[in-house]
């Protein structure tokens, strides 16, 4: 028996081949449903036309959770169901946040309960990984999963073997968990280097378009297969347009697509379906394969498909704060109050504040592209960071107004409060 997770809805040929080999397949997926379902033993997908499940935006991990819960309640003694579900919720939380699903409705309930488990009695593997990521139990939120735990877990499949992450999540002994977590830490460091190198190449290709940048961008080359989605996502964010990044092979090109500002990625790829060998995805992301001889035509078609979306796209409007905040009110007590709104993330963003009249005492580049700030009002000293703000950030000595979120952190018995700066302007405008 093979059970798919977050895939399989478009794998009719592969599932037919599995059946011929004597395998039974259960599909659990949340991607858009093709006209013809695969001939599996069961196909679980909340987007099926005949599915009456009330909450449709479940993550792929959430759909798998539903199957596991049903089996546990049917097959296990009642006393074993609760502990197993707590463990499964921990895993479903990782999948829901890492797949950037909206943290509303049942997704929010899953993540809230899973975070409780992560912060009180995490599995040995996640405890070891959290320590390497400098996350203390009790201080792990959805943002920590998205930017610290998930990248380390995903590094296994991107750079080596995804089974390494599975072994970490299944580890029962602290020593084994630590050893596996250290391997993932090394792979993630390698992934960062490879990604930055590939991004440099991809950005150069985008820059080569000059003022003739297409509505839908298609890049191809010797990009590492494991980071295609990372490159596409970063470029889509920077260019404000859907981007497909493909690894060009001699026989087959494999690619990952990411959307931008409401573009329906799956629909855009489906419009090119006659050029593709395989494809699947949802509104925000898709994957595909095609023959090298169709690459140029796919690039032209994808740009054409995206053109009406771009033409109808309104100009970016102003960013509004949820409320104004005096510098003196940014303190540890505020972070504890804001924690009651968690989990925050996709579909449920953390509150955005405006704080005005801050002096930039220090502006220091950290990492490769971030800007660390030391700020001051008449009575208060604050720290802030602008991710990706190394170029175009405020200068030392400027007085600025900031749009920001407030984050609290705890590490090795030390607490801190920091402004996560989203936008800035010279004060007095």
Protein backbone atom coordinates (compact mmCIF):
# COMPACT_ATOMS: atom_id res chain seq x y z
CA UNK A 1 0.00 0.00 0.00
CA UNK A 2 1.29 3.46 -0.98
CA UNK A 3 -0.18 6.60 0.61
CA UNK A 4 0.65 9.90 -1.08
CA UNK A 5 0.89 13.14 0.88
CA UNK A 6 0.45 16.52 -0.83
CA UNK A 7 0.73 14.91 -4.26
CA UNK A 8 -0.84 12.35 -6.55
CA UNK A 9 -3.99 14.07 -7.79
CA UNK A 10 -2.39 14.54 -11.23
CA UNK A 11 -0.41 11.28 -11.21
CA UNK A 12 -2.89 9.06 -13.07
CA UNK A 13 -0.22 7.34 -15.20
CA UNK A 14 2.03 6.65 -12.24
CA UNK A 15 -0.86 5.24 -10.19
CA UNK A 16 -1.90 3.01 -13.09
CA UNK A 17 1.68 1.73 -13.25
CA UNK A 18 1.63 1.07 -9.51
CA UNK A 19 -1.58 -0.94 -9.90
CA UNK A 20 0.00 -3.05 -12.65
CA UNK A 21 2.88 -3.74 -10.26
CA UNK A 22 0.46 -4.97 -7.60
CA UNK A 23 0.45 -1.84 -5.42
CA UNK A 24 -2.62 -0.18 -3.99
CA UNK A 25 -2.54 3.61 -3.70
CA UNK A 26 -4.40 6.08 -1.49
CA UNK A 27 -4.06 9.68 -2.64
CA UNK A 28 -4.15 12.52 -0.10
CA UNK A 29 -3.70 15.87 -1.82
CA UNK A 30 -4.97 19.44 -1.85
CA UNK A 31 -3.90 20.61 -5.29
CA UNK A 32 -6.41 21.50 -7.99
CA UNK A 33 -8.33 18.49 -9.26
CA UNK A 34 -7.99 17.50 -12.94
CA UNK A 35 -11.06 16.46 -14.98
CA UNK A 36 -10.25 12.77 -14.53
CA UNK A 37 -9.34 11.41 -11.11
CA UNK A 38 -6.53 8.86 -10.77
CA UNK A 39 -7.75 5.28 -10.38
CA UNK A 40 -6.60 4.84 -6.80
CA UNK A 41 -8.18 2.90 -3.94
CA UNK A 42 -9.24 6.27 -2.50
CA UNK A 43 -8.68 9.89 -3.49
CA UNK A 44 -8.91 12.38 -0.62
CA UNK A 45 -8.94 16.00 -1.75
CA UNK A 46 -11.16 18.76 -0.31
CA UNK A 47 -11.37 20.36 -3.78
CA UNK A 48 -13.16 17.39 -5.34
CA UNK A 49 -16.53 18.50 -6.67
CA UNK A 50 -18.23 15.76 -4.66
CA UNK A 51 -16.36 16.46 -1.41
CA UNK A 52 -18.62 17.92 1.26
CA UNK A 53 -15.89 18.63 3.81
CA UNK A 54 -16.59 22.22 4.92
CA UNK A 55 -13.02 23.57 5.15
CA UNK A 56 -11.40 23.63 1.72
CA UNK A 57 -7.99 25.35 2.32
CA UNK A 58 -6.45 22.40 4.18
CA UNK A 59 -2.75 21.88 3.55
CA UNK A 60 -1.63 18.60 2.04
CA UNK A 61 -0.41 17.68 5.50
CA UNK A 62 -3.86 18.53 6.85
CA UNK A 63 -5.55 16.12 4.42
CA UNK A 64 -3.13 13.37 5.46
CA UNK A 65 -3.91 14.21 9.09
CA UNK A 66 -7.61 13.58 8.44
CA UNK A 67 -6.87 10.11 7.05
CA UNK A 68 -4.58 9.27 9.95
CA UNK A 69 -7.15 10.47 12.50
CA UNK A 70 -9.90 8.38 10.91
CA UNK A 71 -7.71 5.27 10.90
CA UNK A 72 -6.58 5.83 14.49
CA UNK A 73 -10.12 6.27 15.76
CA UNK A 74 -11.26 3.18 13.88
CA UNK A 75 -8.34 0.87 14.67
CA UNK A 76 -6.72 1.88 17.97
CA UNK A 77 -7.86 1.66 21.59
CA UNK A 78 -9.28 4.98 22.75
CA UNK A 79 -6.43 5.51 25.21
CA UNK A 80 -3.88 5.53 22.36
CA UNK A 81 -5.72 7.92 20.07
CA UNK A 82 -5.08 11.15 22.01
CA UNK A 83 -1.28 10.80 22.30
CA UNK A 84 -1.02 9.81 18.64
CA UNK A 85 -3.14 12.75 17.48
CA UNK A 86 -0.96 15.14 19.50
CA UNK A 87 2.10 13.84 17.66
CA UNK A 88 0.32 14.02 14.30
CA UNK A 89 -0.75 17.61 14.97
CA UNK A 90 2.90 18.54 15.47
CA UNK A 91 3.69 17.20 11.99
CA UNK A 92 0.59 18.73 10.39
CA UNK A 93 1.56 22.09 11.89
CA UNK A 94 4.96 21.93 10.21
CA UNK A 95 3.36 21.07 6.87
CA UNK A 96 0.65 23.72 7.09
CA UNK A 97 3.05 26.56 7.87
CA UNK A 98 5.81 25.40 5.52
CA UNK A 99 3.34 25.17 2.62
CA UNK A 100 2.27 28.79 3.28
CA UNK A 101 -1.38 27.92 3.76
CA UNK A 102 -3.77 30.55 5.17
CA UNK A 103 -3.82 30.38 8.96
CA UNK A 104 -7.58 30.67 9.21
CA UNK A 105 -10.36 28.26 10.11
CA UNK A 106 -9.22 24.71 10.72
CA UNK A 107 -5.65 25.46 9.63
CA UNK A 108 -5.46 27.95 12.48
CA UNK A 109 -6.83 25.38 14.93
CA UNK A 110 -4.33 22.75 13.77
CA UNK A 111 -1.37 25.12 14.02
CA UNK A 112 -2.42 26.52 17.39
CA UNK A 113 -2.62 23.03 18.91
CA UNK A 114 0.54 21.89 17.15
CA UNK A 115 2.50 24.89 18.44
CA UNK A 116 1.35 24.06 21.94
CA UNK A 117 2.88 20.60 21.53
CA UNK A 118 6.08 21.99 19.95
CA UNK A 119 6.53 24.36 22.86
CA UNK A 120 5.81 21.93 25.70
CA UNK A 121 6.73 18.38 24.68
CA UNK A 122 8.35 18.34 21.23
CA UNK A 123 9.64 15.16 19.68
CA UNK A 124 13.38 14.50 20.19
CA UNK A 125 14.10 15.38 16.57
CA UNK A 126 12.37 18.74 16.61
CA UNK A 127 13.86 19.57 20.01
CA UNK A 128 17.37 18.95 18.63
CA UNK A 129 16.66 20.94 15.48
CA UNK A 130 15.16 23.82 17.48
CA UNK A 131 18.28 24.08 19.60
CA UNK A 132 20.52 24.32 16.55
CA UNK A 133 18.19 27.01 15.19
CA UNK A 134 18.51 28.87 18.52
CA UNK A 135 14.85 28.37 19.36
CA UNK A 136 13.89 27.68 22.94
CA UNK A 137 10.79 25.57 23.72
CA UNK A 138 8.07 27.96 24.76
CA UNK A 139 9.12 30.55 22.17
CA UNK A 140 8.38 28.78 18.90
CA UNK A 141 5.70 30.40 16.72
CA UNK A 142 4.57 30.05 13.12
CA UNK A 143 7.27 32.48 11.96
CA UNK A 144 9.94 30.33 13.60
CA UNK A 145 8.65 27.30 11.72
CA UNK A 146 8.55 29.17 8.41
CA UNK A 147 12.00 30.73 8.59
CA UNK A 148 14.03 28.43 10.83
CA UNK A 149 12.66 24.90 11.17
CA UNK A 150 11.11 24.33 7.74
CA UNK A 151 14.19 25.44 5.75
CA UNK A 152 16.36 23.04 7.74
CA UNK A 153 13.95 20.14 7.22
CA UNK A 154 13.57 20.93 3.52
CA UNK A 155 17.34 21.08 3.06
CA UNK A 156 17.40 17.28 3.21
CA UNK A 157 15.37 16.85 0.03
CA UNK A 158 16.89 19.86 -1.70
CA UNK A 159 20.53 18.89 -1.16
CA UNK A 160 20.63 15.15 -0.34
CA UNK A 161 17.87 12.69 0.60
CA UNK A 162 14.47 13.66 2.03
CA UNK A 163 14.57 10.46 4.10
CA UNK A 164 17.07 12.23 6.37
CA UNK A 165 14.35 14.64 7.54
CA UNK A 166 11.95 11.73 7.97
CA UNK A 167 14.45 9.92 10.17
CA UNK A 168 14.89 13.05 12.29
CA UNK A 169 11.13 13.43 12.77
CA UNK A 170 10.88 9.74 13.71
CA UNK A 171 13.88 9.68 16.05
CA UNK A 172 13.18 8.49 19.59
CA UNK A 173 16.64 8.93 21.13
CA UNK A 174 18.27 12.28 21.87
CA UNK A 175 21.71 11.22 20.62
CA UNK A 176 20.37 10.07 17.26
CA UNK A 177 18.22 13.19 16.96
CA UNK A 178 21.21 15.45 17.62
CA UNK A 179 23.33 13.64 15.02
CA UNK A 180 20.61 13.94 12.37
CA UNK A 181 19.88 17.58 13.24
CA UNK A 182 23.55 18.43 12.81
CA UNK A 183 23.50 16.84 9.35
CA UNK A 184 20.50 18.97 8.41
CA UNK A 185 22.22 22.07 9.75
CA UNK A 186 25.21 21.43 7.47
CA UNK A 187 22.96 20.77 4.47
CA UNK A 188 21.02 23.97 5.12
CA UNK A 189 24.24 25.99 5.22
CA UNK A 190 25.21 24.42 1.89
CA UNK A 191 21.73 25.15 0.51
CA UNK A 192 22.09 28.83 1.34
CA UNK A 193 25.35 29.10 -0.59
CA UNK A 194 24.01 27.23 -3.61
CA UNK A 195 20.81 29.27 -3.61
CA UNK A 196 22.63 32.61 -3.54
CA UNK A 197 24.88 31.52 -6.41
CA UNK A 198 21.89 30.39 -8.49
CA UNK A 199 19.97 33.56 -7.65
CA UNK A 200 22.83 35.65 -8.94
CA UNK A 201 22.66 33.82 -12.27
CA UNK A 202 18.86 34.08 -12.42
CA UNK A 203 18.84 37.79 -11.57
CA UNK A 204 21.32 38.42 -14.37
CA UNK A 205 18.95 36.70 -16.81
CA UNK A 206 16.03 38.81 -15.59
CA UNK A 207 18.11 41.98 -15.89
CA UNK A 208 18.95 41.03 -19.49
CA UNK A 209 15.30 41.57 -20.45
CA UNK A 210 15.78 45.26 -19.70
CA UNK A 211 12.58 47.24 -20.25
CA UNK A 212 11.06 44.31 -22.19
CA UNK A 213 10.37 42.18 -19.14
CA UNK A 214 7.55 39.75 -20.03
CA UNK A 215 4.37 39.51 -17.98
CA UNK A 216 5.27 35.92 -17.14
CA UNK A 217 8.98 35.17 -16.80
CA UNK A 218 10.47 31.81 -17.80
CA UNK A 219 14.13 31.05 -17.05
CA UNK A 220 16.00 27.85 -17.81
CA UNK A 221 19.51 26.61 -17.22
CA UNK A 222 21.65 24.37 -15.06
CA UNK A 223 19.80 25.32 -11.89
CA UNK A 224 19.91 22.69 -9.11
CA UNK A 225 16.61 20.80 -9.07
CA UNK A 226 16.17 21.08 -5.31
CA UNK A 227 16.05 24.87 -5.21
CA UNK A 228 13.96 25.71 -8.29
CA UNK A 229 11.01 26.73 -6.12
CA UNK A 230 13.19 28.93 -3.91
CA UNK A 231 14.57 30.78 -6.92
CA UNK A 232 11.15 31.20 -8.52
CA UNK A 233 9.63 32.49 -5.28
CA UNK A 234 12.39 35.04 -4.70
CA UNK A 235 12.28 36.32 -8.28
CA UNK A 236 8.48 36.53 -8.30
CA UNK A 237 8.65 38.65 -5.16
CA UNK A 238 11.35 40.90 -6.60
CA UNK A 239 9.86 41.26 -10.09
CA UNK A 240 6.21 41.35 -9.05
CA UNK A 241 5.38 38.85 -11.80
CA UNK A 242 4.85 35.10 -12.05
CA UNK A 243 8.11 33.24 -12.61
CA UNK A 244 8.89 29.75 -13.87
CA UNK A 245 12.41 28.42 -13.27
CA UNK A 246 13.39 25.24 -15.09
CA UNK A 247 16.32 22.89 -14.89
CA UNK A 248 17.20 22.15 -18.50
CA UNK A 249 17.96 18.48 -19.11
CA UNK A 250 18.91 16.68 -22.29
CA UNK A 251 15.63 14.75 -22.37
CA UNK A 252 13.30 16.57 -19.96
CA UNK A 253 13.12 20.02 -18.38
CA UNK A 254 11.72 20.20 -14.85
CA UNK A 255 10.40 23.41 -13.42
CA UNK A 256 8.76 25.21 -10.55
CA UNK A 257 6.40 28.17 -10.90
CA UNK A 258 5.46 30.83 -8.36
CA UNK A 259 2.77 33.47 -8.73
CA UNK A 260 2.57 37.12 -7.76
CA UNK A 261 -0.16 39.50 -6.58
CA UNK A 262 -3.19 37.31 -7.20
CA UNK A 263 -2.05 35.56 -10.39
CA UNK A 264 -3.62 32.07 -10.57
CA UNK A 265 -0.49 29.99 -11.08
CA UNK A 266 -2.20 26.65 -11.63
CA UNK A 267 -4.58 28.14 -14.21
CA UNK A 268 -1.69 29.84 -15.98
CA UNK A 269 0.25 26.60 -16.24
CA UNK A 270 -2.86 24.68 -17.29
CA UNK A 271 -3.29 27.08 -20.22
CA UNK A 272 0.07 25.79 -21.48
CA UNK A 273 -0.85 22.17 -20.80
CA UNK A 274 -0.59 20.98 -24.41
CA UNK A 275 3.14 21.82 -24.29
CA UNK A 276 3.79 19.98 -21.02
CA UNK A 277 4.44 16.37 -20.10
CA UNK A 278 3.14 16.75 -16.55
CA UNK A 279 1.93 19.60 -14.40
CA UNK A 280 0.02 20.29 -11.20
CA UNK A 281 -0.32 22.81 -8.45
CA UNK A 282 -2.58 25.39 -6.85
CA UNK A 283 -3.15 29.12 -7.04
CA UNK A 284 0.19 30.14 -5.57
CA UNK A 285 2.58 27.52 -6.95
CA UNK A 286 2.91 24.78 -9.54
CA UNK A 287 5.36 22.26 -10.91
CA UNK A 288 5.80 20.98 -14.44
CA UNK A 289 7.91 18.97 -16.88
CA UNK A 290 8.30 19.45 -20.63
CA UNK A 291 10.50 18.47 -23.55
CA UNK A 292 13.44 20.80 -24.31
CA UNK A 293 12.10 21.50 -27.80
CA UNK A 294 8.96 23.04 -26.28
CA UNK A 295 10.84 25.37 -23.97
CA UNK A 296 10.82 28.46 -26.19
CA UNK A 297 7.14 28.08 -27.04
CA UNK A 298 6.29 27.60 -23.37
CA UNK A 299 8.10 30.82 -22.50
CA UNK A 300 6.17 32.77 -25.12
CA UNK A 301 2.84 31.18 -24.17
CA UNK A 302 3.29 31.74 -20.45
CA UNK A 303 4.08 35.41 -21.05
CA UNK A 304 0.97 35.74 -23.22
CA UNK A 305 -1.22 34.03 -20.62
CA UNK A 306 0.01 36.40 -17.90
CA UNK A 307 -0.40 39.57 -19.99
CA UNK A 308 -4.14 40.17 -19.27
CA UNK A 309 -3.47 39.75 -15.55
CA UNK A 310 -0.64 42.30 -15.69
CA UNK A 311 -2.68 44.76 -17.76
CA UNK A 312 -5.55 44.63 -15.26
CA UNK A 313 -3.30 44.84 -12.20
CA UNK A 314 -3.89 48.06 -10.28
CA UNK A 315 -0.80 49.97 -9.15
CA UNK A 316 0.48 49.07 -5.72
CA UNK A 317 -1.32 51.17 -3.15
CA UNK A 318 -0.10 52.52 0.18
CA UNK A 319 0.57 50.21 3.09
CA UNK A 320 -1.62 50.98 6.10
CA UNK A 321 -0.75 50.44 9.73
CA UNK A 322 -3.22 48.82 12.07
CA UNK A 323 -2.48 51.53 14.64
CA UNK A 324 0.08 54.10 15.72
CA UNK A 325 2.46 53.10 18.48
CA UNK A 326 4.63 55.32 20.65
CA UNK A 327 8.23 54.16 21.00
CA UNK A 328 7.80 54.06 24.78
CA UNK A 329 5.05 51.42 24.37
CA UNK A 330 7.35 48.93 22.62
CA UNK A 331 8.28 46.61 25.45
CA UNK A 332 8.18 43.02 26.62
CA UNK A 333 4.63 43.35 27.96
CA UNK A 334 3.45 44.30 24.47
CA UNK A 335 4.99 41.16 22.94
CA UNK A 336 3.13 39.03 25.49
CA UNK A 337 -0.15 40.73 24.60
CA UNK A 338 0.47 40.22 20.88
CA UNK A 339 1.26 36.54 21.48
CA UNK A 340 -2.43 36.01 22.20
CA UNK A 341 -3.10 36.63 18.49
CA UNK A 342 -0.91 33.73 17.38
CA UNK A 343 -0.60 31.87 15.16
CA UNK A 344 0.04 34.69 12.70
CA UNK A 345 1.20 34.23 9.14
CA UNK A 346 -0.35 33.75 5.71
CA UNK A 347 -3.96 34.94 5.75
CA UNK A 348 -3.67 36.18 9.34
CA UNK A 349 -0.80 38.67 9.46
CA UNK A 350 0.64 40.00 12.68
CA UNK A 351 -0.42 43.58 13.53
CA UNK A 352 1.43 46.33 11.68
CA UNK A 353 2.36 49.45 13.64
CA UNK A 354 3.50 52.97 12.76
CA UNK A 355 6.10 54.57 15.01
CA UNK A 356 7.27 58.06 14.08
CA UNK A 357 10.21 60.33 14.79
CA UNK A 358 12.90 57.74 15.51
CA UNK A 359 16.59 58.63 15.22
CA UNK A 360 18.72 56.05 13.41
CA UNK A 361 21.72 55.78 15.73
CA UNK A 362 23.29 52.91 13.79
CA UNK A 363 22.57 51.13 10.49
CA UNK A 364 24.69 48.03 9.99
CA UNK A 365 24.56 45.42 7.22
CA UNK A 366 24.26 41.88 8.59
CA UNK A 367 24.30 38.65 6.65
CA UNK A 368 24.31 39.31 2.94
CA UNK A 369 21.38 41.67 2.52
CA UNK A 370 19.80 42.68 5.85
CA UNK A 371 20.08 45.97 7.72
CA UNK A 372 20.30 46.03 11.52
CA UNK A 373 19.14 49.29 13.13
CA UNK A 374 19.70 50.91 16.50
CA UNK A 375 16.98 53.50 17.06
CA UNK A 376 16.15 56.13 19.64
CA UNK A 377 13.33 58.42 20.68
CA UNK A 378 13.67 61.05 23.39
CA UNK A 379 13.21 58.43 26.11
CA UNK A 380 13.60 54.99 24.52
CA UNK A 381 16.23 52.88 22.79
CA UNK A 382 15.04 50.25 20.29
CA UNK A 383 16.49 47.68 17.91
CA UNK A 384 15.14 46.91 14.47
CA UNK A 385 15.90 44.96 11.33
CA UNK A 386 14.97 45.39 7.68
CA UNK A 387 15.19 42.03 5.94
CA UNK A 388 16.63 42.54 2.47
CA UNK A 389 17.17 46.21 3.31
CA UNK A 390 20.94 46.47 2.94
CA UNK A 391 20.40 48.62 -0.13
CA UNK A 392 17.95 51.49 0.11
CA UNK A 393 17.64 51.53 3.89
CA UNK A 394 17.85 54.62 6.11
CA UNK A 395 21.21 56.16 6.91
CA UNK A 396 22.71 56.82 10.31
CA UNK A 397 21.60 60.17 11.67
CA UNK A 398 18.28 60.21 9.82
CA UNK A 399 15.00 60.70 11.66
CA UNK A 400 12.46 58.26 10.27
CA UNK A 401 8.90 56.97 10.51
CA UNK A 402 8.63 53.18 10.48
CA UNK A 403 5.97 50.64 9.58
CA UNK A 404 6.86 47.58 11.59
CA UNK A 405 5.83 44.51 13.51
CA UNK A 406 7.00 43.80 17.04
CA UNK A 407 8.71 40.56 17.91
CA UNK A 408 10.00 39.17 21.17
CA UNK A 409 12.65 36.48 21.45
CA UNK A 410 14.28 34.44 24.14
CA UNK A 411 17.67 32.73 24.00
CA UNK A 412 19.92 31.47 26.79
CA UNK A 413 17.99 33.26 29.55
CA UNK A 414 18.00 36.58 27.68
CA UNK A 415 14.87 38.28 26.35
CA UNK A 416 14.78 40.96 23.66
CA UNK A 417 12.28 43.05 21.73
CA UNK A 418 12.88 43.99 18.09
CA UNK A 419 11.09 45.91 15.35
CA UNK A 420 10.63 43.98 12.11
CA UNK A 421 10.57 46.93 9.71
CA UNK A 422 8.34 46.60 6.65
CA UNK A 423 8.70 50.14 5.27
CA UNK A 424 10.23 53.48 6.22
CA UNK A 425 10.25 57.12 5.19
CA UNK A 426 12.03 60.28 6.33
CA UNK A 427 10.10 61.75 9.24
CA UNK A 428 7.96 64.82 8.62
CA UNK A 429 6.67 63.87 5.17
